[in-house]
Amino acid sequence: MKKCFLSAIIFLIASSIYAQSGAEKFYSQQILASTPVKSQDNTGTCWSFATTSMLESQCLKKGLQHPVLSEMFTVRNIYLEKAHNYLLRQGHAQFSEGGLAHDVVRSYSLYGAIPEDVYNGLLPGVKTYDHQAMVAALQKYLDSILKIIPLPENWINGYTKILDDNLGVPPSVFTYNGKEYTPISFAKDYMKFKKDDYVDITSFTHQPYYQPFVLQVPDNFSNGEYYNVPLKQMIEIVEEALRKGYSVSWDADVSNDGFLPKKGLALLIDRKMNPDSVNADIKEDEWNADKRQTLYENLTTQDDHLMHIVGIEKTKSGKKFFVVKNSWGKVGPYNGFINVSESYFAINTISLVVPKDGISRELLMKMGIK
């Protein structure tokens, strides 16, 4: 009862914070429990913040106390993976801060998880994240190693030292709520995390539906496969998951004029439109799968940001929006949350990671997922 009560309190606080300061009146349909909004600061680690937030909501759904997890433990592990990938591809691979949601799920499975108050990836006295200089130093180091063939057996030591000097050293064993854990045992035993509990979803017309394919975007350095579904069904998947109480990690393009975090809105609007005249009920552009595919293939739609979908709302006129938790701090009238219209979502979504229990059994069978 106490654990469930804590989840209820967090749900009420999150809903209250979201609803109180809105510039536009939305009528809540369902907003799921989520942990407080954070800021990724001067880093390209939205993929870790968004997906960690989803996994924190999964913890809340299970009734676990204090499920605030370390984004930077995952980021550090993925930087190590990227180093191996970069060297094996002899520098012919993207080396950047970017990643996708499936990288977080895979990282939890392989390396485990750590609470944020045990390891937060900040050095003593440092209060905000900034990975620009570190990433440049990491790539410079790898490029220098590539000049030595065969590669030195101990090359990882110099690379790890750069991570240690910038992110600190994560513990191999730690005590949490009076019990000792390793990162692996914390994910497995405390969080009850299972990699197979999550399904990667996308929607494009150049690949067969209901089959997995390697998503062709730059940040998919690990060649993750996503199940391809029709566009309308992709939208329905998110709606069904939310109705069942499961939130979703969302990868999308936010570089267009319709993404307006200071107004708390994301709308599919003409680029010539004055943002000051925009409101939630404004008429939006038409959307369909062919238009979506064209914008993807001409590189207008790109995978430049990940966020966390936590609910559905409607305006008084009945227009539907997804409630999205961002990782840019408490920006805008909704304290870091954004209302994303169905039209914007349909055109600008790159991929999703959805808890498997939020997807219908019929669809899972159609995709060949047990």
Protein backbone atom coordinates (compact mmCIF):
# COMPACT_ATOMS: atom_id res chain seq x y z
CA MET A 1 0.00 0.00 0.00
CA LYS A 2 2.81 2.42 0.88
CA LYS A 3 4.55 1.85 -2.49
CA CYS A 4 1.32 2.39 -4.41
CA PHE A 5 0.60 5.52 -2.38
CA LEU A 6 4.01 6.93 -3.34
CA SER A 7 3.27 6.32 -7.02
CA ALA A 8 -0.09 8.04 -6.64
CA ILE A 9 1.55 11.06 -5.01
CA ILE A 10 4.09 11.35 -7.84
CA PHE A 11 1.28 11.02 -10.38
CA LEU A 12 -0.71 13.79 -8.73
CA ILE A 13 2.30 16.07 -8.42
CA ALA A 14 3.28 15.55 -12.06
CA SER A 15 -0.27 16.13 -13.26
CA SER A 16 -0.64 19.22 -11.09
CA ILE A 17 2.64 20.76 -12.23
CA TYR A 18 1.76 20.06 -15.83
CA ALA A 19 -1.76 21.47 -15.70
CA GLN A 20 -1.46 24.54 -13.52
CA SER A 21 0.57 26.94 -15.64
CA GLY A 22 -0.64 26.12 -19.13
CA ALA A 23 -1.18 28.95 -21.57
CA GLU A 24 -3.82 26.88 -23.40
CA LYS A 25 -6.69 24.97 -21.85
CA PHE A 26 -6.40 21.22 -22.35
CA TYR A 27 -8.81 18.68 -20.96
CA SER A 28 -6.84 15.77 -19.56
CA GLN A 29 -7.66 12.32 -20.83
CA GLN A 30 -4.82 10.45 -19.16
CA ILE A 31 -1.42 11.49 -17.84
CA LEU A 32 0.76 8.70 -16.47
CA ALA A 33 3.13 8.92 -13.54
CA SER A 34 6.61 10.19 -14.33
CA THR A 35 9.64 11.41 -12.43
CA PRO A 36 10.59 15.12 -12.35
CA VAL A 37 11.72 16.89 -15.51
CA LYS A 38 15.50 17.04 -15.87
CA SER A 39 17.91 18.86 -18.18
CA GLN A 40 20.44 17.18 -20.43
CA ASP A 41 22.28 20.54 -20.45
CA ASN A 42 24.99 20.91 -23.11
CA THR A 43 25.00 17.28 -24.24
CA GLY A 44 23.49 15.23 -27.05
CA THR A 45 22.21 12.58 -24.65
CA CYS A 46 18.44 13.06 -25.03
CA TRP A 47 18.20 9.37 -26.02
CA SER A 48 19.34 8.36 -22.54
CA PHE A 49 17.21 10.95 -20.70
CA ALA A 50 14.05 10.06 -22.61
CA THR A 51 14.37 6.29 -22.32
CA THR A 52 15.58 6.39 -18.73
CA SER A 53 12.49 8.45 -17.94
CA MET A 54 10.32 5.76 -19.54
CA LEU A 55 12.07 3.07 -17.47
CA GLU A 56 11.55 5.17 -14.34
CA SER A 57 7.83 5.27 -15.15
CA GLN A 58 7.94 1.50 -15.51
CA CYS A 59 9.39 1.36 -11.99
CA LEU A 60 6.57 3.58 -10.74
CA LYS A 61 4.03 1.29 -12.38
CA LYS A 62 5.60 -1.63 -10.49
CA GLY A 63 5.33 0.30 -7.21
CA LEU A 64 9.07 0.73 -6.68
CA GLN A 65 10.23 3.56 -4.44
CA HIS A 66 12.55 6.37 -5.56
CA PRO A 67 13.15 5.17 -9.11
CA VAL A 68 15.43 8.04 -10.21
CA LEU A 69 18.05 6.38 -12.40
CA SER A 70 21.42 7.48 -13.75
CA GLU A 71 21.34 8.54 -17.39
CA MET A 72 25.09 9.00 -17.40
CA PHE A 73 25.90 5.44 -16.35
CA THR A 74 24.21 4.34 -19.57
CA VAL A 75 25.85 7.12 -21.59
CA ARG A 76 29.28 6.04 -20.35
CA ASN A 77 28.66 2.43 -21.35
CA ILE A 78 27.49 3.44 -24.81
CA TYR A 79 30.57 5.64 -25.29
CA LEU A 80 32.62 2.49 -24.69
CA GLU A 81 30.59 0.59 -27.30
CA LYS A 82 31.04 3.42 -29.78
CA ALA A 83 34.80 3.29 -29.32
CA HIS A 84 34.96 -0.40 -30.29
CA ASN A 85 32.63 0.23 -33.24
CA TYR A 86 34.69 3.19 -34.46
CA LEU A 87 37.97 1.31 -34.33
CA LEU A 88 36.65 -1.86 -35.95
CA ARG A 89 35.22 0.25 -38.78
CA GLN A 90 38.61 1.98 -39.01
CA GLY A 91 37.09 5.40 -38.42
CA HIS A 92 34.40 5.01 -41.08
CA ALA A 93 31.56 5.35 -38.58
CA GLN A 94 29.78 8.19 -36.86
CA PHE A 95 31.28 9.01 -33.49
CA SER A 96 29.06 11.46 -31.65
CA GLU A 97 26.95 11.94 -28.56
CA GLY A 98 23.82 10.65 -30.28
CA GLY A 99 22.07 7.35 -29.77
CA LEU A 100 18.64 5.76 -29.85
CA ALA A 101 16.24 4.40 -27.27
CA HIS A 102 17.10 0.79 -28.03
CA ASP A 103 20.69 1.54 -26.94
CA VAL A 104 19.42 2.25 -23.42
CA VAL A 105 17.40 -0.96 -23.30
CA ARG A 106 20.38 -2.95 -24.54
CA SER A 107 22.69 -1.20 -22.08
CA TYR A 108 20.47 -2.09 -19.12
CA SER A 109 20.50 -5.69 -20.27
CA LEU A 110 24.28 -5.88 -20.73
CA TYR A 111 25.64 -3.51 -18.08
CA GLY A 112 22.80 -2.91 -15.62
CA ALA A 113 21.64 0.31 -13.99
CA ILE A 114 22.57 2.58 -11.10
CA PRO A 115 20.43 5.07 -9.11
CA GLU A 116 21.29 8.67 -9.87
CA ASP A 117 22.17 9.47 -6.26
CA VAL A 118 24.82 6.73 -6.41
CA TYR A 119 26.37 7.90 -9.70
CA ASN A 120 25.33 10.97 -11.69
CA GLY A 121 28.28 11.46 -14.05
CA LEU A 122 29.27 14.81 -12.54
CA LEU A 123 32.62 15.57 -10.96
CA PRO A 124 32.71 17.19 -7.50
CA GLY A 125 31.71 20.84 -7.70
CA VAL A 126 30.25 20.51 -11.23
CA LYS A 127 26.50 21.12 -11.43
CA THR A 128 25.66 20.87 -15.14
CA TYR A 129 26.52 18.49 -17.97
CA ASP A 130 28.76 19.51 -20.85
CA HIS A 131 30.25 16.76 -23.03
CA GLN A 132 31.55 18.82 -25.94
CA ALA A 133 35.23 18.86 -24.97
CA MET A 134 35.12 15.27 -23.73
CA VAL A 135 33.69 13.89 -26.99
CA ALA A 136 36.28 15.80 -29.00
CA ALA A 137 39.02 14.34 -26.80
CA LEU A 138 37.62 10.83 -27.14
CA GLN A 139 37.54 10.98 -30.93
CA LYS A 140 40.99 12.54 -31.11
CA TYR A 141 42.30 9.69 -28.99
CA LEU A 142 40.65 7.04 -31.18
CA ASP A 143 41.98 8.66 -34.34
CA SER A 144 45.48 8.56 -32.88
CA ILE A 145 45.08 4.87 -32.05
CA LEU A 146 44.02 4.12 -35.64
CA LYS A 147 47.45 5.24 -36.80
CA ILE A 148 48.96 2.25 -34.98
CA ILE A 149 48.39 -1.10 -36.72
CA PRO A 150 48.01 -3.59 -35.14
CA LEU A 151 46.05 -1.73 -32.50
CA PRO A 152 47.67 -1.63 -29.06
CA GLU A 153 46.19 -4.26 -26.74
CA ASN A 154 45.74 -1.72 -23.94
CA TRP A 155 44.17 1.09 -26.03
CA ILE A 156 41.02 0.99 -23.89
CA ASN A 157 42.97 2.23 -20.84
CA GLY A 158 43.62 5.68 -22.29
CA TYR A 159 40.06 5.94 -23.54
CA THR A 160 38.63 4.95 -20.14
CA LYS A 161 40.82 7.52 -18.41
CA ILE A 162 39.21 10.30 -20.48
CA LEU A 163 35.79 9.05 -19.38
CA ASP A 164 36.93 8.83 -15.75
CA ASP A 165 38.38 12.34 -15.83
CA ASN A 166 35.12 13.79 -17.16
CA LEU A 167 32.34 11.58 -15.79
CA GLY A 168 33.89 10.06 -12.69
CA VAL A 169 34.22 6.35 -11.97
CA PRO A 170 30.96 4.43 -11.46
CA PRO A 171 30.93 1.94 -8.59
CA SER A 172 31.03 -1.78 -9.31
CA VAL A 173 29.16 -2.46 -6.06
CA PHE A 174 26.89 -0.12 -4.11
CA THR A 175 24.39 -0.16 -1.25
CA TYR A 176 20.84 0.94 -1.91
CA ASN A 177 18.03 0.90 0.69
CA GLY A 178 20.27 -1.16 2.95
CA LYS A 179 21.00 -3.84 0.36
CA GLU A 180 24.14 -4.41 -1.69
CA TYR A 181 23.87 -4.46 -5.49
CA THR A 182 25.98 -4.55 -8.59
CA PRO A 183 24.61 -2.59 -11.57
CA ILE A 184 23.49 -5.89 -13.13
CA SER A 185 21.74 -7.14 -9.99
CA PHE A 186 20.08 -3.74 -9.45
CA ALA A 187 18.50 -3.86 -12.92
CA LYS A 188 17.57 -7.52 -12.67
CA ASP A 189 16.57 -7.93 -9.03
CA TYR A 190 15.39 -4.48 -7.97
CA MET A 191 13.96 -3.11 -11.21
CA LYS A 192 12.87 -6.53 -12.54
CA PHE A 193 14.18 -5.33 -15.90
CA LYS A 194 13.98 -7.60 -18.93
CA LYS A 195 15.15 -6.56 -22.39
CA ASP A 196 12.42 -8.58 -24.08
CA ASP A 197 9.77 -6.50 -22.32
CA TYR A 198 10.29 -3.72 -24.88
CA VAL A 199 9.53 -3.53 -28.60
CA ASP A 200 11.14 -1.18 -31.14
CA ILE A 201 8.61 0.29 -33.60
CA THR A 202 8.78 2.48 -36.71
CA SER A 203 6.74 3.17 -39.85
CA PHE A 204 8.15 3.63 -43.34
CA THR A 205 6.92 2.48 -46.73
CA HIS A 206 10.24 1.34 -48.22
CA GLN A 207 10.31 -1.79 -46.04
CA PRO A 208 7.71 -4.58 -45.60
CA TYR A 209 5.22 -4.15 -42.79
CA TYR A 210 5.29 -6.31 -39.67
CA GLN A 211 8.92 -7.24 -40.27
CA PRO A 212 12.03 -5.85 -38.53
CA PHE A 213 14.67 -3.86 -40.40
CA VAL A 214 17.77 -1.87 -39.52
CA LEU A 215 16.60 1.71 -39.18
CA GLN A 216 18.60 3.91 -41.55
CA VAL A 217 19.47 6.95 -39.46
CA PRO A 218 22.94 8.19 -38.43
CA ASP A 219 22.50 7.62 -34.69
CA ASN A 220 21.70 3.94 -35.17
CA PHE A 221 25.40 3.11 -34.82
CA SER A 222 24.57 -0.30 -33.32
CA ASN A 223 22.35 -1.32 -36.26
CA GLY A 224 19.24 -1.83 -34.15
CA GLU A 225 16.24 -3.40 -35.85
CA TYR A 226 12.76 -1.88 -35.62
CA TYR A 227 9.44 -3.50 -36.43
CA ASN A 228 7.75 -1.69 -39.31
CA VAL A 229 4.01 -1.01 -39.09
CA PRO A 230 1.56 1.14 -41.10
CA LEU A 231 1.47 4.79 -40.04
CA LYS A 232 -2.06 4.76 -38.63
CA GLN A 233 -1.22 1.67 -36.63
CA MET A 234 1.88 3.30 -35.19
CA ILE A 235 -0.32 6.05 -33.77
CA GLU A 236 -2.77 3.48 -32.44
CA ILE A 237 0.06 1.58 -30.73
CA VAL A 238 0.95 4.66 -28.66
CA GLU A 239 -2.67 5.35 -27.79
CA GLU A 240 -3.28 1.76 -26.71
CA ALA A 241 -0.10 1.65 -24.63
CA LEU A 242 -1.09 4.85 -22.82
CA ARG A 243 -4.61 3.53 -22.18
CA LYS A 244 -3.05 0.44 -20.60
CA GLY A 245 -0.82 2.60 -18.40
CA TYR A 246 2.45 2.28 -20.35
CA SER A 247 4.45 5.30 -21.49
CA VAL A 248 6.60 5.38 -24.63
CA SER A 249 10.07 6.58 -25.65
CA TRP A 250 9.74 8.78 -28.76
CA ASP A 251 12.41 9.63 -31.35
CA ALA A 252 11.43 12.54 -33.60
CA ASP A 253 12.48 15.49 -35.71
CA VAL A 254 12.15 18.77 -33.79
CA SER A 255 14.15 21.02 -36.11
CA ASN A 256 11.11 22.38 -37.95
CA ASP A 257 9.12 25.53 -37.22
CA GLY A 258 6.21 23.62 -35.75
CA PHE A 259 8.11 22.51 -32.66
CA LEU A 260 7.51 25.34 -30.20
CA PRO A 261 8.72 24.39 -26.69
CA LYS A 262 8.30 27.92 -25.34
CA LYS A 263 4.60 27.67 -26.21
CA GLY A 264 4.39 24.06 -25.06
CA LEU A 265 3.18 22.96 -28.50
CA ALA A 266 4.29 20.90 -31.49
CA LEU A 267 2.10 21.37 -34.56
CA LEU A 268 2.30 20.48 -38.25
CA ILE A 269 2.16 24.03 -39.57
CA ASP A 270 3.44 25.92 -42.59
CA ARG A 271 6.99 27.18 -42.12
CA LYS A 272 5.89 30.68 -43.16
CA MET A 273 3.39 30.94 -40.30
CA ASN A 274 4.16 33.40 -37.53
CA PRO A 275 4.66 31.35 -34.32
CA ASP A 276 3.08 34.15 -32.28
CA SER A 277 -0.24 33.52 -34.00
CA VAL A 278 -0.21 29.77 -33.32
CA ASN A 279 -2.64 28.10 -30.93
CA ALA A 280 -3.57 24.48 -30.21
CA ASP A 281 -6.74 24.54 -32.33
CA ILE A 282 -5.12 26.02 -35.41
CA LYS A 283 -5.69 24.15 -38.67
CA GLU A 284 -2.70 21.95 -39.48
CA ASP A 285 -1.27 20.55 -42.70
CA GLU A 286 -2.51 17.23 -44.04
CA TRP A 287 -0.45 14.13 -43.35
CA ASN A 288 -0.13 10.68 -44.90
CA ALA A 289 2.42 7.89 -45.24
CA ASP A 290 3.66 9.02 -48.65
CA LYS A 291 4.37 12.55 -47.45
CA ARG A 292 6.09 11.16 -44.39
CA GLN A 293 8.27 8.89 -46.54
CA THR A 294 9.25 11.72 -48.88
CA LEU A 295 10.35 13.95 -45.99
CA TYR A 296 12.39 11.06 -44.55
CA GLU A 297 14.08 10.24 -47.85
CA ASN A 298 14.94 13.85 -48.74
CA LEU A 299 16.45 14.22 -45.24
CA THR A 300 13.96 16.83 -44.04
CA THR A 301 12.83 14.52 -41.24
CA GLN A 302 15.80 13.40 -39.15
CA ASP A 303 16.36 11.71 -35.81
CA ASP A 304 17.45 14.76 -33.87
CA HIS A 305 15.69 14.41 -30.50
CA LEU A 306 14.15 11.83 -28.16
CA MET A 307 11.45 12.48 -25.56
CA HIS A 308 9.03 10.58 -23.34
CA ILE A 309 5.31 10.29 -24.15
CA VAL A 310 3.33 10.17 -20.90
CA GLY A 311 -0.29 10.92 -21.80
CA ILE A 312 -3.08 12.08 -24.08
CA GLU A 313 -5.03 15.32 -23.88
CA LYS A 314 -7.66 17.11 -25.95
CA THR A 315 -8.67 20.68 -26.49
CA LYS A 316 -12.28 21.72 -25.89
CA SER A 317 -12.93 21.27 -29.60
CA GLY A 318 -11.75 17.65 -29.38
CA LYS A 319 -8.35 17.97 -31.03
CA LYS A 320 -6.01 15.29 -29.73
CA PHE A 321 -2.46 15.77 -28.42
CA PHE A 322 0.18 13.51 -26.92
CA VAL A 323 1.63 14.84 -23.66
CA VAL A 324 5.41 14.65 -23.93
CA LYS A 325 8.06 15.07 -21.25
CA ASN A 326 11.18 16.78 -22.57
CA SER A 327 14.72 16.95 -21.14
CA TRP A 328 15.49 20.65 -21.57
CA GLY A 329 14.55 21.63 -18.04
CA LYS A 330 11.27 23.30 -17.06
CA VAL A 331 10.91 25.22 -20.32
CA GLY A 332 7.59 26.72 -21.46
CA PRO A 333 4.14 27.09 -19.91
CA TYR A 334 3.93 23.39 -18.96
CA ASN A 335 7.20 23.19 -17.02
CA GLY A 336 9.07 21.05 -19.52
CA PHE A 337 6.10 19.15 -20.98
CA ILE A 338 4.92 19.69 -24.55
CA ASN A 339 1.58 18.99 -26.24
CA VAL A 340 2.32 17.22 -29.54
CA SER A 341 -0.50 17.07 -32.08
CA GLU A 342 -1.35 13.84 -33.86
CA SER A 343 -0.42 15.50 -37.16
CA TYR A 344 3.02 16.50 -35.93
CA PHE A 345 3.57 13.05 -34.46
CA ALA A 346 2.54 11.30 -37.68
CA ILE A 347 4.97 13.19 -39.91
CA ASN A 348 7.92 13.67 -37.58
CA THR A 349 8.25 10.40 -35.68
CA ILE A 350 11.36 8.36 -36.44
CA SER A 351 10.92 5.50 -33.98
CA LEU A 352 9.43 4.33 -30.71
CA VAL A 353 10.29 1.98 -27.89
CA VAL A 354 7.09 0.59 -26.37
CA PRO A 355 6.63 -1.73 -23.38
CA LYS A 356 5.49 -5.05 -24.83
CA ASP A 357 2.56 -5.34 -22.41
CA GLY A 358 1.17 -2.14 -23.89
CA ILE A 359 0.84 -3.74 -27.34
CA SER A 360 -2.07 -6.00 -28.29
CA ARG A 361 -1.43 -9.72 -28.41
CA GLU A 362 -2.79 -9.83 -31.96
CA LEU A 363 -0.25 -7.30 -33.21
CA LEU A 364 2.61 -9.00 -31.38
CA MET A 365 1.69 -12.29 -33.06
CA LYS A 366 1.51 -10.55 -36.44
CA MET A 367 5.05 -9.27 -35.92
CA GLY A 368 6.22 -12.69 -34.78
CA ILE A 369 6.95 -11.55 -31.21
CA LYS A 370 6.28 -14.02 -28.40
